[in-house]
Amino acid sequence: MITLYDHPRSGNCHKVRLLLSILGLAYDRVFVDVLAHINHEPWFDRINPNQQIPVLVDEGFTVQDSQAILVYLAKRYDGPWFADDPQEAAQIVEWLSFAAKEVANGLQASRLFYIADEGIDIEAAQKEGCRVLAILDRRLANRDWLCLKRPTIADLACFPYVGLAREGRLPLDAHRNVIAWIERIVGLEGYVTMDGLPSPRLK
């Protein structure tokens, strides 16, 4: 059995929930109220010394960090969401890094400012968020997916905080190629939503 320690409003947790659903994997969810700083309590520190969510436990094996969890699930349960070819794998990892740095510093930080106002430099975050949206819009001008000719964990890694950009008061709707990419992700079999993201399409 798989256990996911998460929060329903976390985009990083949602990218894991999304892949779990796409892969058709059953799992238990343990709510960790990070807004109430439950992640700093000793019981959670024993699970993840970094005191961050998400954390995934699969048959006793613990994986921390949303990007690492995506790689683990894709390699263990469905290789095509990652890649065996070194060049393809490198391209995917580039975008996992982009999600962990640029997306996090811009889109995620802007959203968190309006949710929790945790001392974030909102001017710097929104400037970076606008830059990230522009990069993605150019990247997606003549392609359906971020790096390969099929959806990969690169797309899932970047998706939640891009889709939630309006909650950070960023101009998502001005980027038509990004909007079209979001619609393609919403159309994936197994897509699940969260507050602020589009609902699944009716089949």
N, C-alpha and C. Protein backbone atom coordinates (compact mmCIF):
# COMPACT_ATOMS: atom_id res chain seq x y z
N MET A 1 0.84 -1.20 0.00
CA MET A 1 0.00 0.00 0.00
C MET A 1 0.87 1.25 0.00
N ILE A 2 0.44 2.24 -0.76
CA ILE A 2 1.13 3.53 -0.85
C ILE A 2 0.45 4.51 0.09
N THR A 3 1.25 5.29 0.81
CA THR A 3 0.73 6.36 1.66
C THR A 3 1.34 7.68 1.21
N LEU A 4 0.48 8.68 1.06
CA LEU A 4 0.93 10.01 0.67
C LEU A 4 0.60 10.99 1.79
N TYR A 5 1.63 11.64 2.30
CA TYR A 5 1.45 12.71 3.29
C TYR A 5 1.34 14.01 2.51
N ASP A 6 0.17 14.66 2.63
CA ASP A 6 -0.05 15.82 1.76
C ASP A 6 -1.00 16.83 2.37
N HIS A 7 -1.26 17.87 1.60
CA HIS A 7 -2.22 18.92 1.94
C HIS A 7 -3.04 19.19 0.67
N PRO A 8 -4.36 19.32 0.79
CA PRO A 8 -5.20 19.45 -0.42
C PRO A 8 -4.94 20.70 -1.24
N ARG A 9 -4.35 21.74 -0.66
CA ARG A 9 -4.11 22.98 -1.39
C ARG A 9 -2.69 23.10 -1.91
N SER A 10 -1.88 22.08 -1.70
CA SER A 10 -0.49 22.12 -2.16
C SER A 10 -0.38 21.67 -3.61
N GLY A 11 0.19 22.54 -4.44
CA GLY A 11 0.43 22.16 -5.83
C GLY A 11 1.46 21.06 -5.96
N ASN A 12 2.47 21.07 -5.07
CA ASN A 12 3.47 20.02 -5.11
C ASN A 12 2.87 18.67 -4.77
N CYS A 13 1.95 18.65 -3.83
CA CYS A 13 1.25 17.40 -3.52
C CYS A 13 0.33 17.00 -4.67
N HIS A 14 -0.27 18.00 -5.31
CA HIS A 14 -1.22 17.67 -6.37
C HIS A 14 -0.54 17.00 -7.55
N LYS A 15 0.67 17.40 -7.89
CA LYS A 15 1.34 16.75 -9.03
C LYS A 15 1.55 15.27 -8.75
N VAL A 16 1.76 14.91 -7.48
CA VAL A 16 1.89 13.50 -7.12
C VAL A 16 0.52 12.81 -7.19
N ARG A 17 -0.50 13.44 -6.64
CA ARG A 17 -1.85 12.87 -6.72
C ARG A 17 -2.27 12.66 -8.18
N LEU A 18 -1.87 13.59 -9.03
CA LEU A 18 -2.22 13.50 -10.44
C LEU A 18 -1.58 12.28 -11.09
N LEU A 19 -0.30 12.06 -10.85
CA LEU A 19 0.35 10.89 -11.44
C LEU A 19 -0.18 9.60 -10.84
N LEU A 20 -0.43 9.58 -9.54
CA LEU A 20 -1.01 8.39 -8.92
C LEU A 20 -2.35 8.04 -9.58
N SER A 21 -3.17 9.05 -9.85
CA SER A 21 -4.46 8.81 -10.49
C SER A 21 -4.30 8.34 -11.93
N ILE A 22 -3.41 8.97 -12.67
CA ILE A 22 -3.16 8.59 -14.06
C ILE A 22 -2.67 7.14 -14.14
N LEU A 23 -1.84 6.74 -13.18
CA LEU A 23 -1.32 5.37 -13.16
C LEU A 23 -2.32 4.37 -12.57
N GLY A 24 -3.42 4.88 -12.03
CA GLY A 24 -4.44 3.99 -11.47
C GLY A 24 -4.00 3.32 -10.18
N LEU A 25 -3.17 4.01 -9.39
CA LEU A 25 -2.63 3.43 -8.16
C LEU A 25 -3.47 3.86 -6.96
N ALA A 26 -3.88 2.88 -6.15
CA ALA A 26 -4.59 3.18 -4.91
C ALA A 26 -3.60 3.64 -3.85
N TYR A 27 -4.04 4.53 -3.00
CA TYR A 27 -3.16 5.04 -1.95
C TYR A 27 -3.98 5.63 -0.82
N ASP A 28 -3.37 5.69 0.36
CA ASP A 28 -3.95 6.37 1.52
C ASP A 28 -3.36 7.77 1.62
N ARG A 29 -4.18 8.71 2.05
CA ARG A 29 -3.72 10.08 2.23
C ARG A 29 -3.69 10.42 3.71
N VAL A 30 -2.62 11.05 4.14
CA VAL A 30 -2.50 11.56 5.50
C VAL A 30 -2.39 13.07 5.41
N PHE A 31 -3.37 13.76 5.97
CA PHE A 31 -3.41 15.21 5.92
C PHE A 31 -2.36 15.79 6.86
N VAL A 32 -1.50 16.66 6.31
CA VAL A 32 -0.49 17.36 7.10
C VAL A 32 -0.78 18.85 6.97
N ASP A 33 -1.27 19.47 8.03
CA ASP A 33 -1.68 20.87 7.97
C ASP A 33 -0.45 21.78 8.08
N VAL A 34 0.18 22.02 6.94
CA VAL A 34 1.39 22.84 6.94
C VAL A 34 1.10 24.30 7.30
N LEU A 35 -0.12 24.76 7.02
CA LEU A 35 -0.47 26.14 7.37
C LEU A 35 -0.53 26.32 8.88
N ALA A 36 -0.78 25.21 9.60
CA ALA A 36 -0.73 25.24 11.07
C ALA A 36 0.60 24.72 11.59
N HIS A 37 1.56 24.52 10.67
CA HIS A 37 2.93 24.10 11.02
C HIS A 37 3.00 22.73 11.68
N ILE A 38 2.04 21.87 11.34
CA ILE A 38 2.06 20.50 11.85
C ILE A 38 3.30 19.76 11.35
N ASN A 39 3.81 20.17 10.20
CA ASN A 39 5.00 19.51 9.62
C ASN A 39 6.25 19.70 10.47
N HIS A 40 6.19 20.58 11.47
CA HIS A 40 7.34 20.79 12.36
C HIS A 40 7.24 19.95 13.64
N GLU A 41 6.16 19.19 13.76
CA GLU A 41 6.02 18.36 14.96
C GLU A 41 6.93 17.14 14.88
N PRO A 42 7.32 16.61 16.02
CA PRO A 42 8.28 15.49 16.04
C PRO A 42 7.86 14.27 15.24
N TRP A 43 6.56 13.94 15.23
CA TRP A 43 6.12 12.74 14.51
C TRP A 43 6.39 12.87 13.02
N PHE A 44 6.23 14.10 12.47
CA PHE A 44 6.47 14.26 11.05
C PHE A 44 7.96 14.41 10.77
N ASP A 45 8.69 15.00 11.68
CA ASP A 45 10.14 15.11 11.53
C ASP A 45 10.78 13.73 11.39
N ARG A 46 10.20 12.73 12.05
CA ARG A 46 10.73 11.37 11.93
C ARG A 46 10.47 10.80 10.54
N ILE A 47 9.44 11.27 9.87
CA ILE A 47 9.13 10.82 8.51
C ILE A 47 9.97 11.56 7.49
N ASN A 48 10.09 12.87 7.67
CA ASN A 48 10.88 13.70 6.75
C ASN A 48 11.61 14.78 7.54
N PRO A 49 12.91 14.60 7.78
CA PRO A 49 13.68 15.61 8.52
C PRO A 49 13.66 16.99 7.87
N ASN A 50 13.36 17.07 6.57
CA ASN A 50 13.23 18.37 5.91
C ASN A 50 11.92 19.07 6.27
N GLN A 51 11.01 18.32 6.89
CA GLN A 51 9.73 18.85 7.37
C GLN A 51 8.90 19.48 6.25
N GLN A 52 8.94 18.83 5.08
CA GLN A 52 8.20 19.31 3.93
C GLN A 52 7.29 18.21 3.39
N ILE A 53 6.24 18.63 2.74
CA ILE A 53 5.37 17.72 2.00
C ILE A 53 5.52 18.02 0.52
N PRO A 54 5.22 17.02 -0.32
CA PRO A 54 4.70 15.69 -0.01
C PRO A 54 5.81 14.71 0.40
N VAL A 55 5.37 13.64 1.05
CA VAL A 55 6.20 12.47 1.31
C VAL A 55 5.39 11.26 0.88
N LEU A 56 6.04 10.35 0.18
CA LEU A 56 5.38 9.13 -0.25
C LEU A 56 6.09 7.93 0.37
N VAL A 57 5.30 7.01 0.92
CA VAL A 57 5.83 5.78 1.48
C VAL A 57 5.21 4.61 0.71
N ASP A 58 6.04 3.81 0.09
CA ASP A 58 5.58 2.69 -0.73
C ASP A 58 6.26 1.41 -0.23
N GLU A 59 5.47 0.56 0.43
CA GLU A 59 5.98 -0.69 0.96
C GLU A 59 7.23 -0.49 1.81
N GLY A 60 7.18 0.53 2.64
CA GLY A 60 8.27 0.80 3.56
C GLY A 60 9.37 1.70 3.01
N PHE A 61 9.33 1.99 1.72
CA PHE A 61 10.33 2.88 1.11
C PHE A 61 9.79 4.30 1.10
N THR A 62 10.56 5.24 1.65
CA THR A 62 10.12 6.63 1.77
C THR A 62 10.82 7.50 0.75
N VAL A 63 10.02 8.32 0.06
CA VAL A 63 10.56 9.26 -0.93
C VAL A 63 10.10 10.67 -0.55
N GLN A 64 11.04 11.59 -0.47
CA GLN A 64 10.76 12.98 -0.18
C GLN A 64 10.94 13.81 -1.45
N ASP A 65 10.25 14.94 -1.51
CA ASP A 65 10.35 15.89 -2.63
C ASP A 65 9.46 15.45 -3.79
N SER A 66 8.63 16.35 -4.25
CA SER A 66 7.64 16.01 -5.27
C SER A 66 8.28 15.55 -6.58
N GLN A 67 9.38 16.20 -6.98
CA GLN A 67 10.05 15.79 -8.22
C GLN A 67 10.61 14.37 -8.11
N ALA A 68 11.24 14.07 -6.98
CA ALA A 68 11.78 12.73 -6.75
C ALA A 68 10.67 11.68 -6.72
N ILE A 69 9.53 12.05 -6.14
CA ILE A 69 8.40 11.11 -6.10
C ILE A 69 7.89 10.82 -7.50
N LEU A 70 7.82 11.84 -8.35
CA LEU A 70 7.37 11.62 -9.73
C LEU A 70 8.31 10.65 -10.45
N VAL A 71 9.61 10.85 -10.29
CA VAL A 71 10.58 9.95 -10.92
C VAL A 71 10.39 8.52 -10.40
N TYR A 72 10.27 8.39 -9.10
CA TYR A 72 10.11 7.06 -8.50
C TYR A 72 8.88 6.35 -9.04
N LEU A 73 7.74 7.03 -9.03
CA LEU A 73 6.51 6.40 -9.48
C LEU A 73 6.57 6.03 -10.96
N ALA A 74 7.13 6.94 -11.76
CA ALA A 74 7.21 6.67 -13.20
C ALA A 74 8.14 5.50 -13.49
N LYS A 75 9.26 5.42 -12.79
CA LYS A 75 10.20 4.32 -13.03
C LYS A 75 9.68 3.00 -12.47
N ARG A 76 9.00 3.04 -11.34
CA ARG A 76 8.52 1.80 -10.71
C ARG A 76 7.26 1.26 -11.38
N TYR A 77 6.38 2.16 -11.82
CA TYR A 77 5.06 1.71 -12.26
C TYR A 77 4.77 1.95 -13.74
N ASP A 78 5.42 2.90 -14.38
CA ASP A 78 5.09 3.16 -15.79
C ASP A 78 6.21 3.99 -16.43
N GLY A 79 7.20 3.30 -17.02
CA GLY A 79 8.36 3.95 -17.58
C GLY A 79 8.11 5.05 -18.59
N PRO A 80 7.11 4.95 -19.48
CA PRO A 80 6.90 6.00 -20.49
C PRO A 80 6.68 7.41 -19.93
N TRP A 81 6.29 7.52 -18.68
CA TRP A 81 6.14 8.85 -18.10
C TRP A 81 7.49 9.47 -17.76
N PHE A 82 8.54 8.63 -17.73
CA PHE A 82 9.91 9.11 -17.63
C PHE A 82 10.60 8.69 -18.92
N ALA A 83 11.83 8.23 -18.89
CA ALA A 83 12.51 7.80 -20.11
C ALA A 83 13.74 6.97 -19.75
N ASP A 84 14.04 5.99 -20.59
CA ASP A 84 15.28 5.23 -20.46
C ASP A 84 16.41 5.84 -21.29
N ASP A 85 16.05 6.46 -22.41
CA ASP A 85 17.05 7.10 -23.26
C ASP A 85 17.71 8.25 -22.51
N PRO A 86 19.04 8.31 -22.48
CA PRO A 86 19.73 9.35 -21.70
C PRO A 86 19.38 10.78 -22.11
N GLN A 87 19.24 11.00 -23.41
CA GLN A 87 18.93 12.36 -23.87
C GLN A 87 17.51 12.76 -23.48
N GLU A 88 16.57 11.83 -23.63
CA GLU A 88 15.20 12.13 -23.23
C GLU A 88 15.11 12.33 -21.72
N ALA A 89 15.81 11.48 -20.96
CA ALA A 89 15.79 11.61 -19.51
C ALA A 89 16.36 12.97 -19.08
N ALA A 90 17.44 13.39 -19.74
CA ALA A 90 18.04 14.68 -19.40
C ALA A 90 17.07 15.83 -19.66
N GLN A 91 16.33 15.77 -20.76
CA GLN A 91 15.36 16.82 -21.05
C GLN A 91 14.27 16.87 -19.99
N ILE A 92 13.80 15.70 -19.56
CA ILE A 92 12.77 15.67 -18.52
C ILE A 92 13.29 16.27 -17.23
N VAL A 93 14.51 15.89 -16.85
CA VAL A 93 15.08 16.39 -15.59
C VAL A 93 15.30 17.91 -15.65
N GLU A 94 15.63 18.44 -16.82
CA GLU A 94 15.75 19.89 -16.96
C GLU A 94 14.46 20.59 -16.51
N TRP A 95 13.32 20.02 -16.92
CA TRP A 95 12.05 20.64 -16.58
C TRP A 95 11.63 20.35 -15.15
N LEU A 96 12.08 19.22 -14.59
CA LEU A 96 11.86 19.00 -13.16
C LEU A 96 12.60 20.07 -12.35
N SER A 97 13.81 20.40 -12.78
CA SER A 97 14.57 21.46 -12.13
C SER A 97 13.88 22.81 -12.30
N PHE A 98 13.34 23.06 -13.48
CA PHE A 98 12.61 24.30 -13.75
C PHE A 98 11.41 24.43 -12.81
N ALA A 99 10.71 23.31 -12.59
CA ALA A 99 9.57 23.32 -11.68
C ALA A 99 10.01 23.62 -10.25
N ALA A 100 11.15 23.05 -9.86
CA ALA A 100 11.61 23.20 -8.48
C ALA A 100 12.21 24.57 -8.21
N LYS A 101 12.69 25.25 -9.24
CA LYS A 101 13.33 26.56 -9.04
C LYS A 101 12.49 27.70 -9.60
N GLU A 102 12.46 27.81 -10.92
CA GLU A 102 11.80 28.97 -11.53
C GLU A 102 10.30 29.01 -11.22
N VAL A 103 9.62 27.89 -11.40
CA VAL A 103 8.18 27.86 -11.11
C VAL A 103 7.93 28.14 -9.63
N ALA A 104 8.74 27.51 -8.78
CA ALA A 104 8.56 27.70 -7.34
C ALA A 104 8.84 29.14 -6.92
N ASN A 105 9.89 29.74 -7.43
CA ASN A 105 10.26 31.10 -7.02
C ASN A 105 9.31 32.16 -7.57
N GLY A 106 8.63 31.84 -8.67
CA GLY A 106 7.73 32.81 -9.27
C GLY A 106 6.27 32.51 -9.00
N LEU A 107 5.76 31.46 -9.61
CA LEU A 107 4.33 31.15 -9.53
C LEU A 107 3.91 30.66 -8.15
N GLN A 108 4.67 29.71 -7.61
CA GLN A 108 4.32 29.18 -6.30
C GLN A 108 4.43 30.25 -5.21
N ALA A 109 5.51 31.02 -5.25
CA ALA A 109 5.71 32.06 -4.24
C ALA A 109 4.63 33.13 -4.32
N SER A 110 4.25 33.52 -5.53
CA SER A 110 3.19 34.53 -5.68
C SER A 110 1.88 34.04 -5.08
N ARG A 111 1.54 32.80 -5.35
CA ARG A 111 0.31 32.22 -4.79
C ARG A 111 0.39 32.15 -3.27
N LEU A 112 1.52 31.69 -2.74
CA LEU A 112 1.66 31.55 -1.30
C LEU A 112 1.54 32.90 -0.59
N PHE A 113 2.01 33.95 -1.24
CA PHE A 113 1.90 35.29 -0.64
C PHE A 113 0.44 35.62 -0.34
N TYR A 114 -0.46 35.30 -1.29
CA TYR A 114 -1.86 35.66 -1.10
C TYR A 114 -2.62 34.65 -0.24
N ILE A 115 -2.04 33.46 -0.05
CA ILE A 115 -2.66 32.47 0.81
C ILE A 115 -2.21 32.63 2.26
N ALA A 116 -0.90 32.81 2.45
CA ALA A 116 -0.35 32.80 3.80
C ALA A 116 0.50 34.02 4.15
N ASP A 117 0.94 34.81 3.15
CA ASP A 117 1.75 36.01 3.36
C ASP A 117 2.91 35.74 4.32
N GLU A 118 3.77 34.81 3.93
CA GLU A 118 4.88 34.41 4.79
C GLU A 118 6.17 35.18 4.47
N GLY A 119 6.07 36.49 4.44
CA GLY A 119 7.26 37.31 4.25
C GLY A 119 7.86 37.22 2.87
N ILE A 120 7.05 36.92 1.87
CA ILE A 120 7.53 36.77 0.50
C ILE A 120 7.67 38.15 -0.15
N ASP A 121 8.73 38.33 -0.92
CA ASP A 121 8.91 39.54 -1.71
C ASP A 121 8.00 39.40 -2.94
N ILE A 122 6.79 39.92 -2.84
CA ILE A 122 5.79 39.69 -3.87
C ILE A 122 6.17 40.35 -5.20
N GLU A 123 6.84 41.48 -5.14
CA GLU A 123 7.25 42.14 -6.40
C GLU A 123 8.24 41.26 -7.16
N ALA A 124 9.22 40.70 -6.45
CA ALA A 124 10.20 39.82 -7.10
C ALA A 124 9.55 38.53 -7.57
N ALA A 125 8.63 37.99 -6.76
CA ALA A 125 7.96 36.74 -7.13
C ALA A 125 7.11 36.93 -8.38
N GLN A 126 6.39 38.02 -8.46
CA GLN A 126 5.53 38.24 -9.63
C GLN A 126 6.36 38.55 -10.88
N LYS A 127 7.45 39.23 -10.71
CA LYS A 127 8.34 39.47 -11.85
C LYS A 127 8.85 38.15 -12.40
N GLU A 128 9.28 37.26 -11.50
CA GLU A 128 9.75 35.94 -11.93
C GLU A 128 8.60 35.11 -12.50
N GLY A 129 7.42 35.22 -11.90
CA GLY A 129 6.26 34.49 -12.40
C GLY A 129 5.91 34.88 -13.83
N CYS A 130 5.94 36.16 -14.12
CA CYS A 130 5.66 36.63 -15.48
C CYS A 130 6.73 36.13 -16.46
N ARG A 131 7.98 36.12 -16.01
CA ARG A 131 9.06 35.62 -16.85
C ARG A 131 8.86 34.13 -17.15
N VAL A 132 8.47 33.37 -16.14
CA VAL A 132 8.24 31.93 -16.32
C VAL A 132 7.10 31.67 -17.29
N LEU A 133 6.00 32.39 -17.14
CA LEU A 133 4.88 32.21 -18.06
C LEU A 133 5.28 32.53 -19.50
N ALA A 134 6.10 33.55 -19.68
CA ALA A 134 6.57 33.91 -21.03
C ALA A 134 7.47 32.82 -21.60
N ILE A 135 8.35 32.25 -20.77
CA ILE A 135 9.21 31.14 -21.22
C ILE A 135 8.36 29.96 -21.66
N LEU A 136 7.38 29.60 -20.84
CA LEU A 136 6.53 28.46 -21.17
C LEU A 136 5.71 28.72 -22.44
N ASP A 137 5.22 29.94 -22.59
CA ASP A 137 4.41 30.24 -23.76
C ASP A 137 5.23 30.13 -25.03
N ARG A 138 6.49 30.58 -25.00
CA ARG A 138 7.36 30.44 -26.17
C ARG A 138 7.68 28.96 -26.42
N ARG A 139 7.94 28.25 -25.35
CA ARG A 139 8.28 26.83 -25.48
C ARG A 139 7.15 26.04 -26.12
N LEU A 140 5.93 26.38 -25.78
CA LEU A 140 4.76 25.62 -26.23
C LEU A 140 4.15 26.17 -27.51
N ALA A 141 4.83 27.10 -28.16
CA ALA A 141 4.27 27.72 -29.37
C ALA A 141 4.08 26.71 -30.49
N ASN A 142 5.01 25.76 -30.62
CA ASN A 142 4.93 24.81 -31.74
C ASN A 142 5.06 23.36 -31.27
N ARG A 143 4.63 23.11 -30.04
CA ARG A 143 4.72 21.75 -29.52
C ARG A 143 3.60 21.53 -28.51
N ASP A 144 3.19 20.28 -28.36
CA ASP A 144 2.10 19.97 -27.44
C ASP A 144 2.57 19.82 -26.00
N TRP A 145 3.80 19.30 -25.83
CA TRP A 145 4.31 18.98 -24.49
C TRP A 145 5.67 19.63 -24.28
N LEU A 146 6.10 19.73 -23.05
CA LEU A 146 7.28 20.54 -22.73
C LEU A 146 8.57 20.03 -23.35
N CYS A 147 8.75 18.70 -23.41
CA CYS A 147 10.06 18.26 -23.90
C CYS A 147 10.01 17.10 -24.89
N LEU A 148 9.10 16.17 -24.77
CA LEU A 148 9.02 15.06 -25.71
C LEU A 148 7.74 15.14 -26.50
N LYS A 149 7.52 14.18 -27.39
CA LYS A 149 6.31 14.18 -28.20
C LYS A 149 5.15 13.49 -27.50
N ARG A 150 5.30 13.29 -26.22
CA ARG A 150 4.26 12.69 -25.39
C ARG A 150 4.30 13.39 -24.03
N PRO A 151 3.22 13.31 -23.27
CA PRO A 151 3.27 13.88 -21.93
C PRO A 151 4.20 13.08 -21.04
N THR A 152 4.93 13.76 -20.19
CA THR A 152 5.85 13.12 -19.25
C THR A 152 5.69 13.78 -17.88
N ILE A 153 6.46 13.28 -16.92
CA ILE A 153 6.42 13.90 -15.60
C ILE A 153 6.94 15.33 -15.63
N ALA A 154 7.63 15.72 -16.69
CA ALA A 154 8.03 17.13 -16.84
C ALA A 154 6.80 18.02 -16.89
N ASP A 155 5.80 17.61 -17.65
CA ASP A 155 4.57 18.38 -17.75
C ASP A 155 3.82 18.40 -16.42
N LEU A 156 3.73 17.24 -15.77
CA LEU A 156 3.01 17.17 -14.51
C LEU A 156 3.72 17.97 -13.42
N ALA A 157 5.05 18.02 -13.46
CA ALA A 157 5.80 18.75 -12.44
C ALA A 157 5.53 20.25 -12.52
N CYS A 158 5.41 20.77 -13.72
CA CYS A 158 5.21 22.21 -13.90
C CYS A 158 3.74 22.62 -13.81
N PHE A 159 2.85 21.69 -14.09
CA PHE A 159 1.45 22.02 -14.28
C PHE A 159 0.74 22.70 -13.11
N PRO A 160 0.76 22.15 -11.88
CA PRO A 160 -0.15 22.70 -10.87
C PRO A 160 0.01 24.19 -10.61
N TYR A 161 1.24 24.66 -10.37
CA TYR A 161 1.40 26.07 -10.04
C TYR A 161 1.20 26.98 -11.25
N VAL A 162 1.39 26.43 -12.45
CA VAL A 162 1.03 27.20 -13.66
C VAL A 162 -0.49 27.33 -13.72
N GLY A 163 -1.19 26.21 -13.53
CA GLY A 163 -2.65 26.24 -13.57
C GLY A 163 -3.26 27.08 -12.47
N LEU A 164 -2.53 27.26 -11.37
CA LEU A 164 -3.02 28.04 -10.23
C LEU A 164 -2.52 29.49 -10.27
N ALA A 165 -1.95 29.90 -11.38
CA ALA A 165 -1.30 31.22 -11.47
C ALA A 165 -2.24 32.37 -11.14
N ARG A 166 -3.52 32.22 -11.46
CA ARG A 166 -4.46 33.31 -11.17
C ARG A 166 -4.54 33.58 -9.67
N GLU A 167 -4.35 32.56 -8.84
CA GLU A 167 -4.39 32.75 -7.39
C GLU A 167 -3.20 33.57 -6.91
N GLY A 168 -2.16 33.63 -7.72
CA GLY A 168 -1.02 34.51 -7.43
C GLY A 168 -1.13 35.83 -8.16
N ARG A 169 -2.32 36.08 -8.75
CA ARG A 169 -2.61 37.34 -9.47
C ARG A 169 -1.61 37.56 -10.61
N LEU A 170 -1.35 36.48 -11.33
CA LEU A 170 -0.46 36.53 -12.49
C LEU A 170 -1.28 36.37 -13.77
N PRO A 171 -0.80 36.92 -14.89
CA PRO A 171 -1.60 37.01 -16.13
C PRO A 171 -1.61 35.71 -16.95
N LEU A 172 -2.13 34.64 -16.37
CA LEU A 172 -2.17 33.36 -17.06
C LEU A 172 -2.92 33.46 -18.38
N ASP A 173 -4.04 34.17 -18.40
CA ASP A 173 -4.91 34.18 -19.59
C ASP A 173 -4.28 34.93 -20.76
N ALA A 174 -3.21 35.64 -20.54
CA ALA A 174 -2.52 36.32 -21.63
C ALA A 174 -1.59 35.38 -22.40
N HIS A 175 -1.49 34.13 -21.97
CA HIS A 175 -0.54 33.19 -22.57
C HIS A 175 -1.32 32.02 -23.18
N ARG A 176 -1.73 32.19 -24.42
CA ARG A 176 -2.65 31.25 -25.06
C ARG A 176 -2.03 29.87 -25.25
N ASN A 177 -0.72 29.80 -25.49
CA ASN A 177 -0.09 28.49 -25.67
C ASN A 177 -0.06 27.72 -24.36
N VAL A 178 0.12 28.42 -23.26
CA VAL A 178 0.08 27.79 -21.95
C VAL A 178 -1.33 27.31 -21.64
N ILE A 179 -2.32 28.12 -21.97
CA ILE A 179 -3.71 27.73 -21.75
C ILE A 179 -4.04 26.46 -22.54
N ALA A 180 -3.58 26.37 -23.78
CA ALA A 180 -3.84 25.18 -24.60
C ALA A 180 -3.16 23.95 -24.00
N TRP A 181 -1.96 24.13 -23.46
CA TRP A 181 -1.25 23.02 -22.80
C TRP A 181 -2.00 22.55 -21.56
N ILE A 182 -2.51 23.49 -20.78
CA ILE A 182 -3.32 23.15 -19.62
C ILE A 182 -4.52 22.32 -20.04
N GLU A 183 -5.17 22.72 -21.12
CA GLU A 183 -6.34 21.98 -21.60
C GLU A 183 -5.97 20.56 -22.03
N ARG A 184 -4.77 20.38 -22.59
CA ARG A 184 -4.33 19.03 -22.96
C ARG A 184 -4.11 18.18 -21.71
N ILE A 185 -3.55 18.77 -20.68
CA ILE A 185 -3.36 18.02 -19.44
C ILE A 185 -4.71 17.65 -18.82
N VAL A 186 -5.64 18.58 -18.82
CA VAL A 186 -6.97 18.31 -18.29
C VAL A 186 -7.64 17.16 -19.05
N GLY A 187 -7.30 17.01 -20.32
CA GLY A 187 -7.89 15.95 -21.14
C GLY A 187 -7.24 14.59 -20.97
N LEU A 188 -6.18 14.49 -20.16
CA LEU A 188 -5.52 13.20 -19.97
C LEU A 188 -6.41 12.24 -19.19
N GLU A 189 -6.36 10.96 -19.56
CA GLU A 189 -7.09 9.93 -18.83
C GLU A 189 -6.53 9.85 -17.41
N GLY A 190 -7.41 9.95 -16.43
CA GLY A 190 -6.99 9.90 -15.04
C GLY A 190 -6.75 11.25 -14.41
N TYR A 191 -6.92 12.32 -15.18
CA TYR A 191 -6.73 13.66 -14.62
C TYR A 191 -7.65 13.88 -13.42
N VAL A 192 -7.11 14.48 -12.37
CA VAL A 192 -7.90 14.89 -11.21
C VAL A 192 -7.62 16.36 -10.94
N THR A 193 -8.57 17.01 -10.33
CA THR A 193 -8.45 18.44 -10.09
C THR A 193 -8.19 18.74 -8.62
N MET A 194 -8.02 20.00 -8.31
CA MET A 194 -7.99 20.52 -6.95
C MET A 194 -8.55 21.93 -7.02
N ASP A 195 -8.85 22.53 -5.88
CA ASP A 195 -9.39 23.89 -5.89
C ASP A 195 -8.48 24.82 -6.66
N GLY A 196 -9.06 25.53 -7.63
CA GLY A 196 -8.31 26.49 -8.43
C GLY A 196 -7.88 25.97 -9.78
N LEU A 197 -8.00 24.66 -10.00
CA LEU A 197 -7.64 24.05 -11.29
C LEU A 197 -8.90 23.64 -12.05
N PRO A 198 -8.81 23.48 -13.37
CA PRO A 198 -9.99 23.09 -14.15
C PRO A 198 -10.53 21.72 -13.74
N SER A 199 -11.82 21.55 -13.87
CA SER A 199 -12.46 20.27 -13.59
C SER A 199 -12.16 19.30 -14.72
N PRO A 200 -12.21 17.99 -14.45
CA PRO A 200 -12.01 17.01 -15.52
C PRO A 200 -13.07 17.17 -16.60
N ARG A 201 -12.71 16.83 -17.82
CA ARG A 201 -13.67 16.90 -18.91
C ARG A 201 -14.66 15.75 -18.80
N LEU A 202 -15.89 16.03 -19.18
CA LEU A 202 -16.90 14.97 -19.23
C LEU A 202 -16.63 14.07 -20.41
N LYS A 203 -16.64 12.78 -20.18
CA LYS A 203 -16.38 11.81 -21.27
C LYS A 203 -17.67 11.51 -22.03
